[in-house]
N, C-alpha and C. Protein backbone atom coordinates (compact mmCIF):
# COMPACT_ATOMS: atom_id res chain seq x y z
N MET A 1 -8.31 19.43 -0.83
CA MET A 1 -7.09 18.45 -0.16
C MET A 1 -5.93 18.38 -1.46
N GLN A 2 -4.96 17.69 -0.70
CA GLN A 2 -3.47 18.10 -1.79
C GLN A 2 -2.65 16.99 -1.23
N ASN A 3 -2.05 16.53 -1.79
CA ASN A 3 -0.48 15.84 -1.14
C ASN A 3 -0.05 16.82 -0.37
N LEU A 4 0.84 16.06 0.50
CA LEU A 4 1.19 16.83 1.38
C LEU A 4 3.20 17.11 1.09
N GLY A 5 3.62 16.46 0.13
CA GLY A 5 4.71 16.40 -0.77
C GLY A 5 4.61 15.92 -2.09
N GLN A 6 5.61 15.83 -2.68
CA GLN A 6 5.94 14.86 -3.98
C GLN A 6 6.75 13.77 -3.87
N PRO A 7 6.61 12.85 -4.61
CA PRO A 7 6.90 11.62 -4.14
C PRO A 7 8.52 11.48 -4.77
N ILE A 8 9.06 10.14 -4.39
CA ILE A 8 10.14 9.90 -5.13
C ILE A 8 10.06 9.26 -6.14
N LYS A 9 10.62 9.87 -7.29
CA LYS A 9 10.70 9.19 -8.40
C LYS A 9 12.06 7.79 -8.73
N LEU A 10 11.65 6.81 -8.91
CA LEU A 10 12.32 5.51 -8.89
C LEU A 10 12.13 5.04 -10.52
N THR A 11 13.53 4.21 -10.57
CA THR A 11 13.36 3.63 -12.01
C THR A 11 13.75 1.97 -11.93
N ASN A 12 13.39 1.61 -12.53
CA ASN A 12 13.74 0.01 -12.69
C ASN A 12 13.29 -0.64 -11.24
N VAL A 13 12.31 -0.45 -10.91
CA VAL A 13 11.66 -1.18 -10.07
C VAL A 13 10.94 -2.31 -10.47
N SER A 14 11.47 -3.52 -10.24
CA SER A 14 10.94 -5.02 -11.19
C SER A 14 10.19 -5.61 -10.22
N ILE A 15 9.49 -5.22 -9.34
CA ILE A 15 8.99 -6.18 -8.24
C ILE A 15 7.44 -6.59 -9.06
N HIS A 16 7.33 -7.94 -9.31
CA HIS A 16 6.37 -8.43 -9.75
C HIS A 16 5.44 -9.38 -8.99
N GLY A 17 6.32 -9.84 -7.45
CA GLY A 17 5.46 -10.88 -6.98
C GLY A 17 6.71 -11.30 -5.53
N VAL A 18 6.00 -12.14 -4.68
CA VAL A 18 6.76 -12.65 -3.78
C VAL A 18 6.78 -14.20 -4.09
N ALA A 19 7.80 -15.06 -3.65
CA ALA A 19 7.72 -16.59 -3.45
C ALA A 19 6.99 -16.93 -2.48
N GLY A 20 5.94 -17.41 -2.53
CA GLY A 20 5.04 -18.09 -1.53
C GLY A 20 5.76 -19.20 -0.79
N LYS A 21 6.58 -20.19 -1.39
CA LYS A 21 7.40 -21.15 -0.81
C LYS A 21 8.78 -20.95 -0.93
N ALA A 22 9.71 -21.88 -0.11
CA ALA A 22 11.17 -21.88 -0.40
C ALA A 22 10.85 -23.28 -1.70
N VAL A 23 11.65 -22.95 -2.63
CA VAL A 23 11.92 -23.77 -3.57
C VAL A 23 13.60 -24.18 -3.65
N ARG A 24 13.84 -25.13 -4.52
CA ARG A 24 15.16 -25.12 -4.65
C ARG A 24 15.65 -24.78 -6.11
N PRO A 25 16.59 -24.41 -6.96
CA PRO A 25 16.78 -24.58 -7.91
C PRO A 25 16.36 -25.63 -8.82
N GLY A 26 15.54 -25.06 -10.12
CA GLY A 26 15.30 -26.00 -10.76
C GLY A 26 13.63 -26.44 -10.65
N GLU A 27 13.22 -26.43 -9.00
CA GLU A 27 12.02 -26.55 -8.69
C GLU A 27 11.10 -25.83 -8.99
N LYS A 28 9.67 -25.94 -9.46
CA LYS A 28 8.67 -25.16 -9.71
C LYS A 28 7.99 -24.75 -7.97
N GLY A 29 7.59 -23.42 -7.86
CA GLY A 29 7.44 -22.86 -7.08
C GLY A 29 5.94 -21.91 -7.17
N GLU A 30 5.31 -21.46 -6.13
CA GLU A 30 4.52 -20.49 -6.64
C GLU A 30 4.86 -19.01 -6.05
N MET A 31 3.71 -18.12 -7.27
CA MET A 31 4.50 -16.68 -6.80
C MET A 31 3.37 -15.99 -6.27
N TRP A 32 3.37 -14.97 -5.39
CA TRP A 32 2.11 -14.28 -5.11
C TRP A 32 2.15 -13.04 -5.53
N SER A 33 1.45 -12.89 -6.46
CA SER A 33 1.19 -11.72 -7.20
C SER A 33 -0.05 -10.50 -6.44
N ARG A 34 -0.50 -10.96 -5.26
CA ARG A 34 -1.75 -10.29 -4.89
C ARG A 34 -1.59 -10.62 -3.23
N PHE A 35 -1.55 -10.29 -2.43
CA PHE A 35 -2.02 -10.33 -0.92
C PHE A 35 -2.20 -8.92 -0.06
N VAL A 36 -2.69 -9.82 1.14
CA VAL A 36 -3.03 -8.37 1.98
C VAL A 36 -2.73 -9.17 3.35
N LEU A 37 -1.72 -8.74 4.34
CA LEU A 37 -1.36 -9.15 5.48
C LEU A 37 -1.47 -8.21 6.23
N SER A 38 -1.64 -8.62 7.79
CA SER A 38 -1.61 -8.03 8.94
C SER A 38 -0.38 -8.36 9.78
N SER A 39 -0.08 -7.29 10.47
CA SER A 39 1.08 -7.66 11.52
C SER A 39 0.97 -8.62 12.51
N ASP A 40 -0.16 -8.98 12.34
CA ASP A 40 -0.63 -10.31 13.21
C ASP A 40 -0.17 -11.84 12.69
N GLN A 41 0.19 -11.62 11.38
CA GLN A 41 0.52 -13.01 10.92
C GLN A 41 1.82 -13.09 11.22
N ALA A 42 2.25 -14.11 10.86
CA ALA A 42 3.90 -14.65 10.99
C ALA A 42 4.77 -14.17 9.92
N ILE A 43 4.05 -14.45 9.07
CA ILE A 43 5.17 -14.37 7.38
C ILE A 43 5.00 -12.71 6.95
N PHE A 44 3.73 -11.55 7.60
CA PHE A 44 4.01 -10.35 7.55
C PHE A 44 5.50 -9.85 7.63
N HIS A 45 6.28 -9.85 9.01
CA HIS A 45 7.23 -9.38 9.07
C HIS A 45 8.46 -9.82 8.00
N ARG A 46 8.48 -11.06 7.97
CA ARG A 46 9.47 -11.64 6.83
C ARG A 46 9.27 -10.83 5.42
N ILE A 47 8.33 -10.87 5.15
CA ILE A 47 7.56 -10.35 3.64
C ILE A 47 7.92 -8.82 3.44
N THR A 48 7.61 -8.27 4.52
CA THR A 48 7.66 -6.54 4.82
C THR A 48 9.22 -6.17 4.66
N ALA A 49 10.16 -6.83 5.50
CA ALA A 49 11.50 -6.70 5.66
C ALA A 49 12.17 -6.77 4.53
N ARG A 50 11.74 -7.60 3.78
CA ARG A 50 12.39 -8.02 2.17
C ARG A 50 11.93 -7.08 1.42
N LEU A 51 10.56 -6.53 1.34
CA LEU A 51 9.97 -5.60 0.38
C LEU A 51 10.65 -4.33 0.55
N ALA A 52 10.76 -4.07 1.94
CA ALA A 52 11.30 -3.00 2.22
C ALA A 52 12.90 -2.63 1.94
N ARG A 53 13.39 -3.54 1.88
CA ARG A 53 14.82 -3.69 1.55
C ARG A 53 15.13 -3.49 0.40
N ALA A 54 13.95 -4.02 -0.61
CA ALA A 54 14.18 -4.15 -2.10
C ALA A 54 14.29 -2.56 -2.65
N ILE A 55 12.88 -1.87 -1.99
CA ILE A 55 12.60 -0.66 -2.55
C ILE A 55 13.58 0.58 -1.67
N GLU A 56 13.95 0.03 -0.82
CA GLU A 56 15.74 1.18 -0.34
C GLU A 56 16.60 0.60 -1.09
N ASP A 57 17.07 -0.46 -1.71
CA ASP A 57 17.84 -0.54 -3.01
C ASP A 57 17.51 0.01 -4.17
N PHE A 58 16.65 0.37 -4.41
CA PHE A 58 15.90 0.88 -5.82
C PHE A 58 16.41 2.38 -5.50
N ALA A 59 15.84 2.89 -4.02
CA ALA A 59 16.21 4.06 -4.23
C ALA A 59 17.43 4.42 -4.33
N VAL A 60 18.27 3.59 -3.62
CA VAL A 60 19.68 4.17 -3.64
C VAL A 60 20.51 4.07 -5.11
N GLN A 61 19.83 3.06 -5.66
CA GLN A 61 20.37 3.20 -7.24
C GLN A 61 20.29 4.24 -7.97
N ASP A 62 19.07 5.20 -7.52
CA ASP A 62 18.58 6.40 -7.97
C ASP A 62 19.15 7.26 -7.15
N GLY A 63 19.92 7.24 -6.46
CA GLY A 63 20.81 8.14 -5.90
C GLY A 63 19.76 9.02 -4.53
N VAL A 64 18.99 8.05 -4.09
CA VAL A 64 18.49 8.81 -2.90
C VAL A 64 17.92 7.78 -2.06
N TYR A 65 17.64 8.23 -0.62
CA TYR A 65 17.63 6.88 0.19
C TYR A 65 17.00 7.52 1.42
N ASN A 66 16.08 6.72 1.89
CA ASN A 66 14.89 7.41 2.75
C ASN A 66 14.46 5.52 3.50
N ARG A 67 14.60 5.65 4.83
CA ARG A 67 14.22 4.54 5.18
C ARG A 67 12.68 4.44 5.58
N LEU A 68 12.11 3.47 5.28
CA LEU A 68 11.16 2.99 5.35
C LEU A 68 10.31 2.99 6.82
N ASP A 69 11.04 2.07 7.33
CA ASP A 69 10.93 1.89 8.90
C ASP A 69 10.44 3.13 9.78
N ARG A 70 10.25 4.05 9.09
CA ARG A 70 10.32 5.45 9.78
C ARG A 70 9.12 6.06 9.35
N ALA A 71 8.19 5.55 8.48
CA ALA A 71 6.96 6.11 8.04
C ALA A 71 5.71 5.26 8.36
N ASP A 72 4.57 5.86 8.30
CA ASP A 72 3.48 5.41 9.01
C ASP A 72 2.54 5.09 7.79
N ILE A 73 2.85 5.53 6.62
CA ILE A 73 2.32 5.05 5.19
C ILE A 73 3.46 5.27 4.04
N VAL A 74 3.74 3.99 3.78
CA VAL A 74 4.27 4.19 2.42
C VAL A 74 3.58 3.40 1.30
N LEU A 75 3.50 4.08 0.08
CA LEU A 75 2.97 4.05 -0.85
C LEU A 75 3.67 3.78 -2.11
N LEU A 76 3.76 2.59 -2.77
CA LEU A 76 4.62 2.69 -3.86
C LEU A 76 3.50 2.02 -5.08
N VAL A 77 3.87 3.31 -6.12
CA VAL A 77 2.96 3.12 -7.43
C VAL A 77 4.21 2.42 -8.57
N ILE A 78 3.90 1.28 -9.13
CA ILE A 78 4.93 0.92 -9.88
C ILE A 78 4.31 0.87 -11.15
N ARG A 79 4.50 1.73 -12.30
CA ARG A 79 4.26 2.02 -13.42
C ARG A 79 4.42 0.75 -14.50
N PRO A 80 3.58 0.24 -15.49
CA PRO A 80 3.94 -0.68 -16.49
C PRO A 80 5.54 -0.92 -17.26
N ASP A 81 6.32 0.53 -17.06
CA ASP A 81 7.71 0.37 -17.61
C ASP A 81 8.32 0.27 -16.43
N ASN A 82 8.34 0.08 -15.12
CA ASN A 82 9.00 -0.02 -13.96
C ASN A 82 9.56 1.15 -13.55
N THR A 83 9.06 2.49 -13.58
CA THR A 83 9.44 3.42 -13.22
C THR A 83 8.16 3.52 -12.13
N ALA A 84 8.56 4.28 -10.75
CA ALA A 84 7.54 4.28 -9.77
C ALA A 84 7.85 5.35 -8.79
N ASP A 85 6.34 5.76 -8.39
CA ASP A 85 6.40 6.95 -7.30
C ASP A 85 6.65 6.19 -5.71
N LEU A 86 7.31 6.84 -5.14
CA LEU A 86 7.35 5.93 -3.87
C LEU A 86 6.91 7.49 -2.88
N TRP A 87 5.31 7.29 -1.88
CA TRP A 87 5.48 8.20 -1.14
C TRP A 87 5.54 7.51 0.09
N LEU A 88 6.18 8.67 0.72
CA LEU A 88 6.37 8.55 2.39
C LEU A 88 5.83 9.58 3.43
N ASP A 89 4.82 8.82 3.72
CA ASP A 89 3.81 10.18 4.71
C ASP A 89 3.73 11.42 3.91
N THR A 90 3.38 11.21 2.56
CA THR A 90 3.47 12.64 1.82
C THR A 90 1.79 12.45 0.64
N ALA A 91 1.20 11.30 0.55
CA ALA A 91 0.06 11.21 -0.05
C ALA A 91 -1.21 11.48 0.58
N ALA A 92 -1.78 12.41 -0.18
CA ALA A 92 -3.39 12.50 0.51
C ALA A 92 -3.82 11.18 0.77
N VAL A 93 -4.79 11.22 1.97
CA VAL A 93 -5.37 10.14 2.22
C VAL A 93 -6.82 10.19 2.66
N MET A 94 -7.95 9.64 1.88
CA MET A 94 -9.08 9.67 1.94
C MET A 94 -9.69 8.39 2.67
N HIS A 95 -10.48 8.28 3.41
CA HIS A 95 -11.49 7.21 4.27
C HIS A 95 -12.48 7.18 3.89
N GLU A 96 -13.28 6.22 3.22
CA GLU A 96 -14.92 6.34 2.78
C GLU A 96 -15.49 5.66 3.94
N ILE A 97 -16.13 6.40 4.83
CA ILE A 97 -16.78 5.71 6.19
C ILE A 97 -18.24 5.76 5.99
N THR A 98 -18.94 4.79 7.06
CA THR A 98 -20.40 4.93 7.52
C THR A 98 -20.16 5.36 9.00
N LEU A 99 -21.40 6.75 9.15
CA LEU A 99 -21.22 7.42 10.32
C LEU A 99 -22.67 6.43 11.14
N LYS A 100 -22.36 6.54 12.40
CA LYS A 100 -23.55 5.92 13.39
C LYS A 100 -24.70 7.34 13.20
N ARG A 101 -24.22 8.48 12.85
CA ARG A 101 -25.37 9.40 13.40
C ARG A 101 -26.12 9.56 11.72
N ALA A 102 -27.62 10.14 12.28
CA ALA A 102 -28.17 9.87 10.71
C ALA A 102 -28.53 11.47 10.19
N GLY A 103 -28.50 11.56 9.30
CA GLY A 103 -28.94 13.13 8.83
C GLY A 103 -27.81 13.73 7.83
N PRO A 104 -27.97 14.52 7.43
CA PRO A 104 -26.47 15.45 6.56
C PRO A 104 -25.49 15.58 7.34
N LEU A 105 -24.50 15.86 6.86
CA LEU A 105 -23.07 16.09 7.37
C LEU A 105 -22.42 17.43 6.86
N ALA A 106 -22.57 18.39 7.22
CA ALA A 106 -21.87 19.39 6.29
C ALA A 106 -20.38 19.41 6.34
N ALA A 107 -19.63 19.89 5.28
CA ALA A 107 -18.37 20.17 5.22
C ALA A 107 -17.64 20.60 6.31
N GLY A 108 -16.39 20.38 6.98
CA GLY A 108 -15.89 21.05 7.68
C GLY A 108 -16.16 20.75 9.28
N THR A 109 -17.58 19.63 9.22
CA THR A 109 -17.98 19.34 10.63
C THR A 109 -16.62 18.34 11.19
N VAL A 110 -16.56 18.77 12.28
CA VAL A 110 -15.54 17.89 13.44
C VAL A 110 -16.16 16.60 13.51
N MET A 111 -15.22 15.11 13.20
CA MET A 111 -15.70 14.11 13.66
C MET A 111 -14.90 13.30 14.77
N PHE A 112 -15.84 12.35 15.57
CA PHE A 112 -14.84 11.52 16.56
C PHE A 112 -14.99 10.45 16.14
N GLU A 113 -14.00 9.61 16.75
CA GLU A 113 -14.11 8.04 16.72
C GLU A 113 -15.21 7.62 17.19
N SER A 114 -16.10 8.24 17.98
CA SER A 114 -16.91 7.20 18.33
C SER A 114 -18.08 7.34 17.22
N GLU A 115 -18.40 8.48 16.51
CA GLU A 115 -18.84 8.65 15.21
C GLU A 115 -19.21 7.66 14.58
N LEU A 116 -18.12 6.90 14.12
CA LEU A 116 -17.67 6.33 12.99
C LEU A 116 -18.33 4.58 13.06
N ALA A 117 -19.15 4.50 12.18
CA ALA A 117 -19.79 3.23 12.34
C ALA A 117 -18.94 1.84 11.52
N ASP A 118 -18.38 2.48 10.56
CA ASP A 118 -17.21 1.85 9.81
C ASP A 118 -16.56 2.38 8.62
N ILE A 119 -15.29 1.90 8.51
CA ILE A 119 -14.09 2.39 7.78
C ILE A 119 -14.46 1.54 6.49
N ARG A 120 -14.85 1.80 5.38
CA ARG A 120 -15.24 1.09 4.50
C ARG A 120 -14.08 1.11 3.34
N GLY A 121 -13.42 2.20 3.19
CA GLY A 121 -12.21 2.23 2.19
C GLY A 121 -11.35 3.17 2.14
N VAL A 122 -10.04 3.06 1.95
CA VAL A 122 -8.86 3.57 2.26
C VAL A 122 -8.21 3.97 1.06
N TRP A 123 -7.69 5.23 0.60
CA TRP A 123 -7.26 5.59 -0.99
C TRP A 123 -6.45 6.81 -0.75
N PHE A 124 -5.96 6.80 -2.15
CA PHE A 124 -4.86 7.96 -1.97
C PHE A 124 -5.13 8.80 -3.45
N PRO A 125 -6.34 9.68 -3.17
CA PRO A 125 -6.86 10.14 -4.75
C PRO A 125 -5.96 11.19 -5.54
N PHE A 126 -5.00 11.72 -4.70
CA PHE A 126 -4.02 12.37 -5.81
C PHE A 126 -2.68 11.82 -6.16
N ALA A 127 -2.55 10.41 -5.73
CA ALA A 127 -1.50 9.67 -6.29
C ALA A 127 -1.35 8.96 -7.87
N ASN A 128 -2.18 9.48 -8.38
CA ASN A 128 -2.50 9.30 -9.63
C ASN A 128 -2.21 7.58 -10.29
N VAL A 129 -2.97 6.85 -9.41
CA VAL A 129 -2.92 5.51 -9.68
C VAL A 129 -3.80 4.99 -10.80
N GLY A 130 -3.27 4.25 -11.76
CA GLY A 130 -3.66 3.97 -13.04
C GLY A 130 -4.22 2.35 -12.81
N VAL A 131 -4.98 2.13 -14.13
CA VAL A 131 -5.36 0.56 -13.86
C VAL A 131 -4.37 -0.70 -14.27
N LYS A 132 -3.12 0.27 -15.17
CA LYS A 132 -2.17 -0.81 -15.67
C LYS A 132 -0.94 -0.75 -14.50
N ASP A 133 -1.20 0.03 -13.19
CA ASP A 133 -0.06 0.06 -12.51
C ASP A 133 -0.04 -1.15 -11.48
N ARG A 134 0.97 -1.42 -10.50
CA ARG A 134 1.09 -2.17 -9.43
C ARG A 134 1.23 -1.28 -8.33
N ILE A 135 0.66 -1.61 -7.05
CA ILE A 135 1.01 -1.14 -5.74
C ILE A 135 1.56 -1.87 -4.94
N LEU A 136 1.79 -1.31 -4.18
CA LEU A 136 2.59 -1.67 -2.67
C LEU A 136 2.17 -0.72 -1.53
N CYS A 137 1.80 -1.11 -0.76
CA CYS A 137 1.32 -0.29 0.45
C CYS A 137 1.63 -0.87 1.60
N ILE A 138 1.98 0.02 2.91
CA ILE A 138 2.34 -0.52 4.02
C ILE A 138 1.82 0.55 5.03
N ILE A 139 0.74 0.32 5.74
CA ILE A 139 0.37 1.27 6.78
C ILE A 139 0.07 0.77 8.38
N ARG A 140 0.79 2.02 8.68
CA ARG A 140 1.06 1.60 10.34
C ARG A 140 -0.56 2.19 11.13
N GLN A 141 -1.18 1.63 11.86
CA GLN A 141 -2.07 2.05 12.80
C GLN A 141 -1.58 1.69 14.16
N GLY A 142 -1.24 2.72 14.90
CA GLY A 142 -1.05 2.32 16.25
C GLY A 142 0.34 1.53 16.36
N TRP A 143 0.15 0.12 17.28
CA TRP A 143 1.23 -0.91 16.95
C TRP A 143 1.04 -1.80 16.16
N ARG A 144 0.02 -1.80 15.18
CA ARG A 144 -0.42 -2.85 14.15
C ARG A 144 0.06 -2.11 12.71
N PHE A 145 0.18 -3.25 11.48
CA PHE A 145 0.75 -2.80 10.39
C PHE A 145 -0.39 -3.56 9.31
N GLY A 146 -0.21 -2.91 8.28
CA GLY A 146 -1.13 -3.75 6.97
C GLY A 146 -0.35 -3.62 5.96
N LEU A 147 -0.50 -4.56 5.13
CA LEU A 147 0.30 -4.70 3.64
C LEU A 147 -0.28 -5.06 2.79
N LEU A 148 -0.88 -4.26 1.86
CA LEU A 148 -1.39 -4.59 0.56
C LEU A 148 -0.21 -4.99 -0.53
N TYR A 149 -0.30 -5.55 -1.41
CA TYR A 149 0.63 -6.00 -2.74
C TYR A 149 -0.47 -6.36 -3.81
N ASP A 150 -0.43 -5.50 -4.74
CA ASP A 150 -0.93 -5.84 -5.96
C ASP A 150 -0.25 -5.89 -7.03
N GLY A 151 0.41 -7.04 -7.74
CA GLY A 151 1.20 -7.21 -8.68
C GLY A 151 0.57 -6.82 -10.19
N ASN A 152 -1.05 -6.71 -9.93
CA ASN A 152 -1.63 -6.59 -11.02
C ASN A 152 -1.47 -7.51 -12.38
N ALA A 153 -1.31 -8.47 -11.99
CA ALA A 153 -1.03 -9.91 -13.13
C ALA A 153 -2.04 -9.43 -14.22
N LYS A 154 -3.03 -9.59 -13.96
CA LYS A 154 -4.10 -9.19 -15.05
C LYS A 154 -4.09 -8.09 -16.12
N GLY A 155 -3.48 -7.25 -15.61
CA GLY A 155 -3.28 -5.66 -16.37
C GLY A 155 -4.59 -4.80 -15.96
N ASP A 156 -5.28 -5.02 -14.76
CA ASP A 156 -6.30 -4.49 -14.68
C ASP A 156 -6.83 -4.25 -13.18
N LEU A 157 -5.97 -3.07 -13.00
CA LEU A 157 -5.97 -3.11 -11.08
C LEU A 157 -7.40 -2.58 -10.84
N SER A 158 -7.89 -3.46 -9.73
CA SER A 158 -9.19 -3.10 -9.45
C SER A 158 -8.77 -1.94 -8.01
N ILE A 159 -9.41 -0.90 -8.09
CA ILE A 159 -8.66 0.13 -7.32
C ILE A 159 -9.99 -0.11 -6.17
N GLU A 160 -11.36 -0.54 -6.47
CA GLU A 160 -12.25 -1.30 -5.31
C GLU A 160 -11.70 -2.14 -4.57
N ASP A 161 -10.99 -2.66 -5.29
CA ASP A 161 -10.70 -4.23 -4.14
C ASP A 161 -9.63 -3.53 -3.08
N ALA A 162 -9.02 -2.71 -3.50
CA ALA A 162 -7.52 -2.23 -3.14
C ALA A 162 -8.04 -1.23 -1.81
N LYS A 163 -9.01 -0.28 -2.18
CA LYS A 163 -9.58 0.48 -0.89
C LYS A 163 -9.94 -0.31 -0.06
N ARG A 164 -10.87 -1.34 -0.39
CA ARG A 164 -11.38 -2.39 0.84
C ARG A 164 -10.36 -2.82 1.50
N ASP A 165 -9.64 -3.54 1.06
CA ASP A 165 -8.59 -4.19 1.63
C ASP A 165 -7.85 -3.53 2.46
N LEU A 166 -7.23 -2.10 2.05
CA LEU A 166 -6.61 -1.43 2.85
C LEU A 166 -7.19 -0.56 4.04
N ALA A 167 -8.55 -0.93 4.15
CA ALA A 167 -9.40 -0.43 5.06
C ALA A 167 -9.51 -1.28 6.17
N ARG A 168 -9.24 -2.85 5.59
CA ARG A 168 -9.14 -3.91 6.56
C ARG A 168 -8.36 -4.96 6.66
N PRO A 169 -7.17 -4.55 6.83
CA PRO A 169 -6.15 -5.46 6.50
C PRO A 169 -5.99 -6.33 7.68
N THR A 170 -6.37 -5.80 8.87
CA THR A 170 -6.13 -6.82 9.98
C THR A 170 -7.44 -8.09 9.84
N ASP A 171 -8.19 -8.15 8.83
CA ASP A 171 -9.40 -8.78 8.83
C ASP A 171 -9.24 -10.06 8.00
N GLN A 172 -7.96 -9.86 7.41
CA GLN A 172 -7.52 -11.18 6.11
C GLN A 172 -7.36 -12.13 6.99
């Protein structure tokens, strides 16, 4: 398995969170540095539209432009120095699953949706995500969407938490 292409390289991607509510100048507010949302939640569309616009603006500043609304999987990996890799449907995707059937499963065996008991994790094994990085991922599944943003405020990104949350964005 490998990635389907190369990421778009971005610089000066300074996203560190999202305002949790409206505030006036000088007022204290809250910043969300980690969240998981689904398109079933009203705030999803407002946040996703603003994040997509910000990412598109960063891309334009670096001389590239791609519309995020046409991608099924948008993965943005932001390094501590604010450089970033933007993957638009090109990062290899791995699903950690539990099967309904018992016994061993040979490599190359065709699997059907009816055989899946649970999807326990979703990840991008060749996107080189490190524990110091920040990640943003928007996944489209049919007519529903999921959004994961982890601003990694503690500097120790939990990849296991991200895998779990990407597998179940609509359970949040």
